[in-house]
Amino acid sequence: MISALISGAIIGWLAGHIMDTRRGGWIRNILVGVIGSSLGTFLFGLLGFTAHGLIAELVVSVTGACVFIWLIGRLF
Protein backbone atom coordinates (compact mmCIF):
# COMPACT_ATOMS: atom_id res chain seq x y z
CA MET A 1 0.00 0.00 0.00
CA ILE A 2 2.75 2.43 0.92
CA SER A 3 4.76 1.53 -2.17
CA ALA A 4 1.66 2.15 -4.35
CA LEU A 5 1.28 5.62 -2.83
CA ILE A 6 4.95 6.46 -3.31
CA SER A 7 5.09 5.15 -6.87
CA GLY A 8 1.77 6.90 -7.63
CA ALA A 9 3.20 10.18 -6.39
CA ILE A 10 6.33 9.80 -8.54
CA ILE A 11 4.35 8.75 -11.63
CA GLY A 12 1.89 11.62 -11.16
CA TRP A 13 4.75 14.09 -10.71
CA LEU A 14 6.49 12.86 -13.89
CA ALA A 15 3.26 12.97 -15.91
CA GLY A 16 2.51 16.47 -14.60
CA HIS A 17 5.89 17.67 -15.83
CA ILE A 18 5.51 15.98 -19.20
CA MET A 19 2.01 17.37 -19.72
CA ASP A 20 2.98 20.76 -18.19
CA THR A 21 0.26 20.64 -15.52
CA ARG A 22 2.30 21.19 -12.39
CA ARG A 23 -0.53 22.62 -10.29
CA GLY A 24 -1.76 20.51 -7.42
CA GLY A 25 0.08 18.70 -4.68
CA TRP A 26 1.02 15.25 -3.50
CA ILE A 27 -2.56 14.02 -3.24
CA ARG A 28 -3.24 15.00 -6.85
CA ASN A 29 0.00 13.33 -7.94
CA ILE A 30 -0.92 10.14 -6.10
CA LEU A 31 -4.40 10.04 -7.63
CA VAL A 32 -3.12 10.75 -11.14
CA GLY A 33 -0.35 8.18 -10.73
CA VAL A 34 -2.54 5.37 -9.40
CA ILE A 35 -5.40 5.96 -11.87
CA GLY A 36 -2.94 6.52 -14.72
CA SER A 37 -1.08 3.33 -13.90
CA SER A 38 -4.29 1.33 -14.11
CA LEU A 39 -5.32 3.10 -17.31
CA GLY A 40 -1.91 2.53 -18.90
CA THR A 41 -1.95 -1.17 -18.02
CA PHE A 42 -5.46 -1.48 -19.48
CA LEU A 43 -4.65 0.42 -22.69
CA PHE A 44 -1.37 -1.38 -23.33
CA GLY A 45 -3.16 -4.68 -22.62
CA LEU A 46 -5.71 -3.85 -25.32
CA LEU A 47 -2.81 -3.38 -27.72
CA GLY A 48 -1.34 -6.74 -26.70
CA PHE A 49 1.64 -5.37 -24.78
CA THR A 50 2.67 -6.32 -21.27
CA ALA A 51 5.27 -4.60 -19.15
CA HIS A 52 8.07 -6.72 -17.72
CA GLY A 53 10.67 -4.95 -15.65
CA LEU A 54 10.90 -1.66 -13.82
CA ILE A 55 11.57 0.60 -16.82
CA ALA A 56 8.75 -0.91 -18.91
CA GLU A 57 6.29 -0.60 -16.02
CA LEU A 58 7.35 3.02 -15.48
CA VAL A 59 6.82 3.84 -19.17
CA VAL A 60 3.37 2.19 -19.18
CA SER A 61 2.35 3.95 -15.96
CA VAL A 62 3.56 7.40 -16.98
CA THR A 63 1.96 7.02 -20.42
CA GLY A 64 -1.33 6.07 -18.78
CA ALA A 65 -1.09 9.03 -16.40
CA CYS A 66 -0.44 11.37 -19.34
CA VAL A 67 -3.49 9.98 -21.14
CA PHE A 68 -5.54 10.45 -17.96
CA ILE A 69 -4.40 14.09 -17.61
CA TRP A 70 -5.26 14.68 -21.28
CA LEU A 71 -8.72 13.13 -20.85
CA ILE A 72 -9.44 15.20 -17.74
CA GLY A 73 -8.31 18.33 -19.61
CA ARG A 74 -10.72 17.52 -22.43
CA LEU A 75 -13.64 16.91 -20.08
CA PHE A 76 -13.18 20.03 -17.95
PDB file of N, CA and C in Angstrom:
ATOM      1  N   MET A   1       0.822  -1.190   0.000  1.00  0.00           N
ATOM      2  CA  MET A   1       0.000   0.000   0.000  1.00  0.00           C
ATOM      3  C   MET A   1       0.868   1.256   0.000  1.00  0.00           C
ATOM      4  N   ILE A   2       1.862   1.273   0.849  1.00  0.00           N
ATOM      5  CA  ILE A   2       2.746   2.434   0.922  1.00  0.00           C
ATOM      6  C   ILE A   2       3.533   2.572  -0.381  1.00  0.00           C
ATOM      7  N   SER A   3       3.992   1.456  -0.925  1.00  0.00           N
ATOM      8  CA  SER A   3       4.756   1.528  -2.175  1.00  0.00           C
ATOM      9  C   SER A   3       3.869   2.015  -3.327  1.00  0.00           C
ATOM     10  N   ALA A   4       2.582   1.665  -3.319  1.00  0.00           N
ATOM     11  CA  ALA A   4       1.659   2.154  -4.354  1.00  0.00           C
ATOM     12  C   ALA A   4       1.480   3.661  -4.241  1.00  0.00           C
ATOM     13  N   LEU A   5       1.417   4.173  -3.023  1.00  0.00           N
ATOM     14  CA  LEU A   5       1.283   5.620  -2.825  1.00  0.00           C
ATOM     15  C   LEU A   5       2.543   6.365  -3.266  1.00  0.00           C
ATOM     16  N   ILE A   6       3.686   5.818  -2.932  1.00  0.00           N
ATOM     17  CA  ILE A   6       4.946   6.461  -3.307  1.00  0.00           C
ATOM     18  C   ILE A   6       5.145   6.411  -4.818  1.00  0.00           C
ATOM     19  N   SER A   7       4.926   5.244  -5.420  1.00  0.00           N
ATOM     20  CA  SER A   7       5.085   5.149  -6.870  1.00  0.00           C
ATOM     21  C   SER A   7       4.029   5.987  -7.589  1.00  0.00           C
ATOM     22  N   GLY A   8       2.804   6.045  -7.050  1.00  0.00           N
ATOM     23  CA  GLY A   8       1.775   6.904  -7.627  1.00  0.00           C
ATOM     24  C   GLY A   8       2.165   8.365  -7.599  1.00  0.00           C
ATOM     25  N   ALA A   9       2.760   8.792  -6.500  1.00  0.00           N
ATOM     26  CA  ALA A   9       3.205  10.180  -6.390  1.00  0.00           C
ATOM     27  C   ALA A   9       4.305  10.494  -7.409  1.00  0.00           C
ATOM     28  N   ILE A  10       5.235   9.580  -7.578  1.00  0.00           N
ATOM     29  CA  ILE A  10       6.326   9.797  -8.536  1.00  0.00           C
ATOM     30  C   ILE A  10       5.795   9.787  -9.971  1.00  0.00           C
ATOM     31  N   ILE A  11       4.927   8.846 -10.276  1.00  0.00           N
ATOM     32  CA  ILE A  11       4.351   8.751 -11.629  1.00  0.00           C
ATOM     33  C   ILE A  11       3.522   9.989 -11.931  1.00  0.00           C
ATOM     34  N   GLY A  12       2.698  10.418 -10.974  1.00  0.00           N
ATOM     35  CA  GLY A  12       1.891  11.621 -11.164  1.00  0.00           C
ATOM     36  C   GLY A  12       2.747  12.860 -11.343  1.00  0.00           C
ATOM     37  N   TRP A  13       3.834  12.954 -10.600  1.00  0.00           N
ATOM     38  CA  TRP A  13       4.749  14.087 -10.712  1.00  0.00           C
ATOM     39  C   TRP A  13       5.410  14.110 -12.098  1.00  0.00           C
ATOM     40  N   LEU A  14       5.872  12.946 -12.558  1.00  0.00           N
ATOM     41  CA  LEU A  14       6.487  12.864 -13.886  1.00  0.00           C
ATOM     42  C   LEU A  14       5.495  13.225 -14.989  1.00  0.00           C
ATOM     43  N   ALA A  15       4.282  12.685 -14.897  1.00  0.00           N
ATOM     44  CA  ALA A  15       3.263  12.971 -15.906  1.00  0.00           C
ATOM     45  C   ALA A  15       2.877  14.445 -15.883  1.00  0.00           C
ATOM     46  N   GLY A  16       2.813  15.038 -14.707  1.00  0.00           N
ATOM     47  CA  GLY A  16       2.512  16.466 -14.597  1.00  0.00           C
ATOM     48  C   GLY A  16       3.570  17.317 -15.279  1.00  0.00           C
ATOM     49  N   HIS A  17       4.821  16.931 -15.156  1.00  0.00           N
ATOM     50  CA  HIS A  17       5.894  17.672 -15.831  1.00  0.00           C
ATOM     51  C   HIS A  17       5.853  17.463 -17.341  1.00  0.00           C
ATOM     52  N   ILE A  18       5.579  16.253 -17.761  1.00  0.00           N
ATOM     53  CA  ILE A  18       5.510  15.975 -19.203  1.00  0.00           C
ATOM     54  C   ILE A  18       4.353  16.725 -19.841  1.00  0.00           C
ATOM     55  N   MET A  19       3.204  16.732 -19.172  1.00  0.00           N
ATOM     56  CA  MET A  19       2.007  17.371 -19.718  1.00  0.00           C
ATOM     57  C   MET A  19       1.921  18.850 -19.342  1.00  0.00           C
ATOM     58  N   ASP A  20       2.897  19.362 -18.621  1.00  0.00           N
ATOM     59  CA  ASP A  20       2.980  20.763 -18.193  1.00  0.00           C
ATOM     60  C   ASP A  20       1.747  21.181 -17.383  1.00  0.00           C
ATOM     61  N   THR A  21       1.353  20.331 -16.455  1.00  0.00           N
ATOM     62  CA  THR A  21       0.265  20.643 -15.519  1.00  0.00           C
ATOM     63  C   THR A  21       0.804  20.449 -14.114  1.00  0.00           C
ATOM     64  N   ARG A  22       1.620  21.352 -13.666  1.00  0.00           N
ATOM     65  CA  ARG A  22       2.301  21.186 -12.387  1.00  0.00           C
ATOM     66  C   ARG A  22       1.492  21.697 -11.200  1.00  0.00           C
ATOM     67  N   ARG A  23       0.263  22.157 -11.425  1.00  0.00           N
ATOM     68  CA  ARG A  23      -0.532  22.616 -10.288  1.00  0.00           C
ATOM     69  C   ARG A  23      -1.031  21.399  -9.504  1.00  0.00           C
ATOM     70  N   GLY A  24      -1.323  21.620  -8.265  1.00  0.00           N
ATOM     71  CA  GLY A  24      -1.758  20.511  -7.423  1.00  0.00           C
ATOM     72  C   GLY A  24      -0.635  20.098  -6.494  1.00  0.00           C
ATOM     73  N   GLY A  25      -0.913  19.146  -5.649  1.00  0.00           N
ATOM     74  CA  GLY A  25       0.078  18.699  -4.678  1.00  0.00           C
ATOM     75  C   GLY A  25       0.258  17.198  -4.718  1.00  0.00           C
ATOM     76  N   TRP A  26       0.712  16.676  -3.592  1.00  0.00           N
ATOM     77  CA  TRP A  26       1.019  15.255  -3.498  1.00  0.00           C
ATOM     78  C   TRP A  26      -0.212  14.384  -3.670  1.00  0.00           C
ATOM     79  N   ILE A  27      -1.341  14.829  -3.125  1.00  0.00           N
ATOM     80  CA  ILE A  27      -2.557  14.022  -3.241  1.00  0.00           C
ATOM     81  C   ILE A  27      -2.978  13.912  -4.698  1.00  0.00           C
ATOM     82  N   ARG A  28      -2.917  15.025  -5.419  1.00  0.00           N
ATOM     83  CA  ARG A  28      -3.243  15.003  -6.851  1.00  0.00           C
ATOM     84  C   ARG A  28      -2.287  14.091  -7.597  1.00  0.00           C
ATOM     85  N   ASN A  29      -0.993  14.190  -7.285  1.00  0.00           N
ATOM     86  CA  ASN A  29      -0.004  13.334  -7.943  1.00  0.00           C
ATOM     87  C   ASN A  29      -0.272  11.859  -7.670  1.00  0.00           C
ATOM     88  N   ILE A  30      -0.639  11.530  -6.438  1.00  0.00           N
ATOM     89  CA  ILE A  30      -0.917  10.140  -6.098  1.00  0.00           C
ATOM     90  C   ILE A  30      -2.132   9.644  -6.873  1.00  0.00           C
ATOM     91  N   LEU A  31      -3.203  10.440  -6.899  1.00  0.00           N
ATOM     92  CA  LEU A  31      -4.404  10.035  -7.626  1.00  0.00           C
ATOM     93  C   LEU A  31      -4.128   9.863  -9.115  1.00  0.00           C
ATOM     94  N   VAL A  32      -3.445  10.839  -9.702  1.00  0.00           N
ATOM     95  CA  VAL A  32      -3.119  10.751 -11.135  1.00  0.00           C
ATOM     96  C   VAL A  32      -2.231   9.550 -11.400  1.00  0.00           C
ATOM     97  N   GLY A  33      -1.264   9.307 -10.537  1.00  0.00           N
ATOM     98  CA  GLY A  33      -0.354   8.181 -10.727  1.00  0.00           C
ATOM     99  C   GLY A  33      -1.031   6.837 -10.613  1.00  0.00           C
ATOM    100  N   VAL A  34      -1.874   6.666  -9.609  1.00  0.00           N
ATOM    101  CA  VAL A  34      -2.540   5.374  -9.404  1.00  0.00           C
ATOM    102  C   VAL A  34      -3.565   5.119 -10.506  1.00  0.00           C
ATOM    103  N   ILE A  35      -4.403   6.120 -10.809  1.00  0.00           N
ATOM    104  CA  ILE A  35      -5.401   5.960 -11.875  1.00  0.00           C
ATOM    105  C   ILE A  35      -4.708   5.797 -13.224  1.00  0.00           C
ATOM    106  N   GLY A  36      -3.685   6.610 -13.465  1.00  0.00           N
ATOM    107  CA  GLY A  36      -2.942   6.522 -14.722  1.00  0.00           C
ATOM    108  C   GLY A  36      -2.239   5.195 -14.905  1.00  0.00           C
ATOM    109  N   SER A  37      -1.728   4.639 -13.832  1.00  0.00           N
ATOM    110  CA  SER A  37      -1.085   3.326 -13.895  1.00  0.00           C
ATOM    111  C   SER A  37      -2.078   2.261 -14.333  1.00  0.00           C
ATOM    112  N   SER A  38      -3.245   2.298 -13.737  1.00  0.00           N
ATOM    113  CA  SER A  38      -4.291   1.333 -14.107  1.00  0.00           C
ATOM    114  C   SER A  38      -4.732   1.539 -15.550  1.00  0.00           C
ATOM    115  N   LEU A  39      -4.905   2.788 -15.939  1.00  0.00           N
ATOM    116  CA  LEU A  39      -5.320   3.096 -17.309  1.00  0.00           C
ATOM    117  C   LEU A  39      -4.254   2.661 -18.312  1.00  0.00           C
ATOM    118  N   GLY A  40      -2.992   2.927 -18.005  1.00  0.00           N
ATOM    119  CA  GLY A  40      -1.906   2.527 -18.897  1.00  0.00           C
ATOM    120  C   GLY A  40      -1.826   1.023 -19.059  1.00  0.00           C
ATOM    121  N   THR A  41      -1.961   0.293 -17.958  1.00  0.00           N
ATOM    122  CA  THR A  41      -1.949  -1.168 -18.022  1.00  0.00           C
ATOM    123  C   THR A  41      -3.099  -1.675 -18.868  1.00  0.00           C
ATOM    124  N   PHE A  42      -4.294  -1.077 -18.697  1.00  0.00           N
ATOM    125  CA  PHE A  42      -5.461  -1.475 -19.479  1.00  0.00           C
ATOM    126  C   PHE A  42      -5.260  -1.181 -20.967  1.00  0.00           C
ATOM    127  N   LEU A  43      -4.808   0.038 -21.288  1.00  0.00           N
ATOM    128  CA  LEU A  43      -4.647   0.424 -22.692  1.00  0.00           C
ATOM    129  C   LEU A  43      -3.564  -0.391 -23.394  1.00  0.00           C
ATOM    130  N   PHE A  44      -2.439  -0.582 -22.731  1.00  0.00           N
ATOM    131  CA  PHE A  44      -1.373  -1.383 -23.333  1.00  0.00           C
ATOM    132  C   PHE A  44      -1.800  -2.836 -23.467  1.00  0.00           C
ATOM    133  N   GLY A  45      -2.622  -3.327 -22.525  1.00  0.00           N
ATOM    134  CA  GLY A  45      -3.160  -4.682 -22.617  1.00  0.00           C
ATOM    135  C   GLY A  45      -4.065  -4.846 -23.828  1.00  0.00           C
ATOM    136  N   LEU A  46      -4.863  -3.809 -24.126  1.00  0.00           N
ATOM    137  CA  LEU A  46      -5.711  -3.853 -25.317  1.00  0.00           C
ATOM    138  C   LEU A  46      -4.883  -3.960 -26.593  1.00  0.00           C
ATOM    139  N   LEU A  47      -3.704  -3.335 -26.561  1.00  0.00           N
ATOM    140  CA  LEU A  47      -2.812  -3.385 -27.724  1.00  0.00           C
ATOM    141  C   LEU A  47      -1.979  -4.660 -27.774  1.00  0.00           C
ATOM    142  N   GLY A  48      -2.071  -5.487 -26.731  1.00  0.00           N
ATOM    143  CA  GLY A  48      -1.340  -6.743 -26.702  1.00  0.00           C
ATOM    144  C   GLY A  48       0.039  -6.643 -26.079  1.00  0.00           C
ATOM    145  N   PHE A  49       0.339  -5.546 -25.422  1.00  0.00           N
ATOM    146  CA  PHE A  49       1.639  -5.366 -24.779  1.00  0.00           C
ATOM    147  C   PHE A  49       1.524  -5.617 -23.284  1.00  0.00           C
ATOM    148  N   THR A  50       2.560  -6.186 -22.725  1.00  0.00           N
ATOM    149  CA  THR A  50       2.667  -6.317 -21.272  1.00  0.00           C
ATOM    150  C   THR A  50       4.019  -5.770 -20.842  1.00  0.00           C
ATOM    151  N   ALA A  51       4.044  -5.198 -19.658  1.00  0.00           N
ATOM    152  CA  ALA A  51       5.273  -4.596 -19.149  1.00  0.00           C
ATOM    153  C   ALA A  51       5.986  -5.591 -18.235  1.00  0.00           C
ATOM    154  N   HIS A  52       7.240  -5.859 -18.550  1.00  0.00           N
ATOM    155  CA  HIS A  52       8.068  -6.722 -17.720  1.00  0.00           C
ATOM    156  C   HIS A  52       9.321  -5.941 -17.369  1.00  0.00           C
ATOM    157  N   GLY A  53       9.507  -5.689 -16.104  1.00  0.00           N
ATOM    158  CA  GLY A  53      10.667  -4.947 -15.653  1.00  0.00           C
ATOM    159  C   GLY A  53      10.290  -3.540 -15.207  1.00  0.00           C
ATOM    160  N   LEU A  54      11.156  -2.961 -14.429  1.00  0.00           N
ATOM    161  CA  LEU A  54      10.897  -1.663 -13.818  1.00  0.00           C
ATOM    162  C   LEU A  54      10.733  -0.552 -14.850  1.00  0.00           C
ATOM    163  N   ILE A  55      11.614  -0.476 -15.824  1.00  0.00           N
ATOM    164  CA  ILE A  55      11.565   0.600 -16.818  1.00  0.00           C
ATOM    165  C   ILE A  55      10.303   0.489 -17.660  1.00  0.00           C
ATOM    166  N   ALA A  56       9.955  -0.707 -18.095  1.00  0.00           N
ATOM    167  CA  ALA A  56       8.752  -0.908 -18.906  1.00  0.00           C
ATOM    168  C   ALA A  56       7.500  -0.544 -18.116  1.00  0.00           C
ATOM    169  N   GLU A  57       7.440  -0.934 -16.849  1.00  0.00           N
ATOM    170  CA  GLU A  57       6.294  -0.596 -16.021  1.00  0.00           C
ATOM    171  C   GLU A  57       6.194   0.906 -15.794  1.00  0.00           C
ATOM    172  N   LEU A  58       7.329   1.567 -15.642  1.00  0.00           N
ATOM    173  CA  LEU A  58       7.347   3.020 -15.475  1.00  0.00           C
ATOM    174  C   LEU A  58       6.836   3.714 -16.731  1.00  0.00           C
ATOM    175  N   VAL A  59       7.264   3.248 -17.896  1.00  0.00           N
ATOM    176  CA  VAL A  59       6.818   3.836 -19.168  1.00  0.00           C
ATOM    177  C   VAL A  59       5.312   3.651 -19.338  1.00  0.00           C
ATOM    178  N   VAL A  60       4.809   2.462 -19.056  1.00  0.00           N
ATOM    179  CA  VAL A  60       3.374   2.194 -19.180  1.00  0.00           C
ATOM    180  C   VAL A  60       2.591   3.069 -18.204  1.00  0.00           C
ATOM    181  N   SER A  61       3.057   3.169 -16.974  1.00  0.00           N
ATOM    182  CA  SER A  61       2.354   3.951 -15.960  1.00  0.00           C
ATOM    183  C   SER A  61       2.351   5.437 -16.276  1.00  0.00           C
ATOM    184  N   VAL A  62       3.487   5.973 -16.662  1.00  0.00           N
ATOM    185  CA  VAL A  62       3.562   7.397 -16.982  1.00  0.00           C
ATOM    186  C   VAL A  62       2.752   7.708 -18.231  1.00  0.00           C
ATOM    187  N   THR A  63       2.782   6.820 -19.217  1.00  0.00           N
ATOM    188  CA  THR A  63       1.961   7.016 -20.420  1.00  0.00           C
ATOM    189  C   THR A  63       0.482   7.025 -20.058  1.00  0.00           C
ATOM    190  N   GLY A  64       0.056   6.107 -19.226  1.00  0.00           N
ATOM    191  CA  GLY A  64      -1.334   6.068 -18.781  1.00  0.00           C
ATOM    192  C   GLY A  64      -1.717   7.316 -18.002  1.00  0.00           C
ATOM    193  N   ALA A  65      -0.813   7.809 -17.157  1.00  0.00           N
ATOM    194  CA  ALA A  65      -1.087   9.028 -16.398  1.00  0.00           C
ATOM    195  C   ALA A  65      -1.192  10.235 -17.330  1.00  0.00           C
ATOM    196  N   CYS A  66      -0.358  10.282 -18.361  1.00  0.00           N
ATOM    197  CA  CYS A  66      -0.442  11.371 -19.338  1.00  0.00           C
ATOM    198  C   CYS A  66      -1.771  11.318 -20.097  1.00  0.00           C
ATOM    199  N   VAL A  67      -2.197  10.132 -20.464  1.00  0.00           N
ATOM    200  CA  VAL A  67      -3.493   9.976 -21.137  1.00  0.00           C
ATOM    201  C   VAL A  67      -4.615  10.412 -20.204  1.00  0.00           C
ATOM    202  N   PHE A  68      -4.526  10.056 -18.937  1.00  0.00           N
ATOM    203  CA  PHE A  68      -5.537  10.447 -17.957  1.00  0.00           C
ATOM    204  C   PHE A  68      -5.589  11.968 -17.804  1.00  0.00           C
ATOM    205  N   ILE A  69      -4.443  12.630 -17.711  1.00  0.00           N
ATOM    206  CA  ILE A  69      -4.404  14.091 -17.614  1.00  0.00           C
ATOM    207  C   ILE A  69      -5.008  14.711 -18.866  1.00  0.00           C
ATOM    208  N   TRP A  70      -4.707  14.159 -20.027  1.00  0.00           N
ATOM    209  CA  TRP A  70      -5.259  14.675 -21.278  1.00  0.00           C
ATOM    210  C   TRP A  70      -6.783  14.524 -21.298  1.00  0.00           C
ATOM    211  N   LEU A  71      -7.271  13.356 -20.869  1.00  0.00           N
ATOM    212  CA  LEU A  71      -8.725  13.131 -20.848  1.00  0.00           C
ATOM    213  C   LEU A  71      -9.423  14.083 -19.880  1.00  0.00           C
ATOM    214  N   ILE A  72      -8.856  14.289 -18.708  1.00  0.00           N
ATOM    215  CA  ILE A  72      -9.441  15.203 -17.739  1.00  0.00           C
ATOM    216  C   ILE A  72      -9.446  16.624 -18.304  1.00  0.00           C
ATOM    217  N   GLY A  73      -8.370  17.007 -18.983  1.00  0.00           N
ATOM    218  CA  GLY A  73      -8.306  18.328 -19.610  1.00  0.00           C
ATOM    219  C   GLY A  73      -9.367  18.507 -20.671  1.00  0.00           C
ATOM    220  N   ARG A  74      -9.677  17.456 -21.396  1.00  0.00           N
ATOM    221  CA  ARG A  74     -10.717  17.521 -22.431  1.00  0.00           C
ATOM    222  C   ARG A  74     -12.118  17.594 -21.838  1.00  0.00           C
ATOM    223  N   LEU A  75     -12.322  16.927 -20.700  1.00  0.00           N
ATOM    224  CA  LEU A  75     -13.642  16.914 -20.085  1.00  0.00           C
ATOM    225  C   LEU A  75     -13.959  18.200 -19.318  1.00  0.00           C
ATOM    226  N   PHE A  76     -12.940  18.825 -18.753  1.00  0.00           N
ATOM    227  CA  PHE A  76     -13.181  20.027 -17.952  1.00  0.00           C
ATOM    228  C   PHE A  76     -12.515  21.195 -18.600  1.00  0.00           C
TER     229      PHE A  76
END
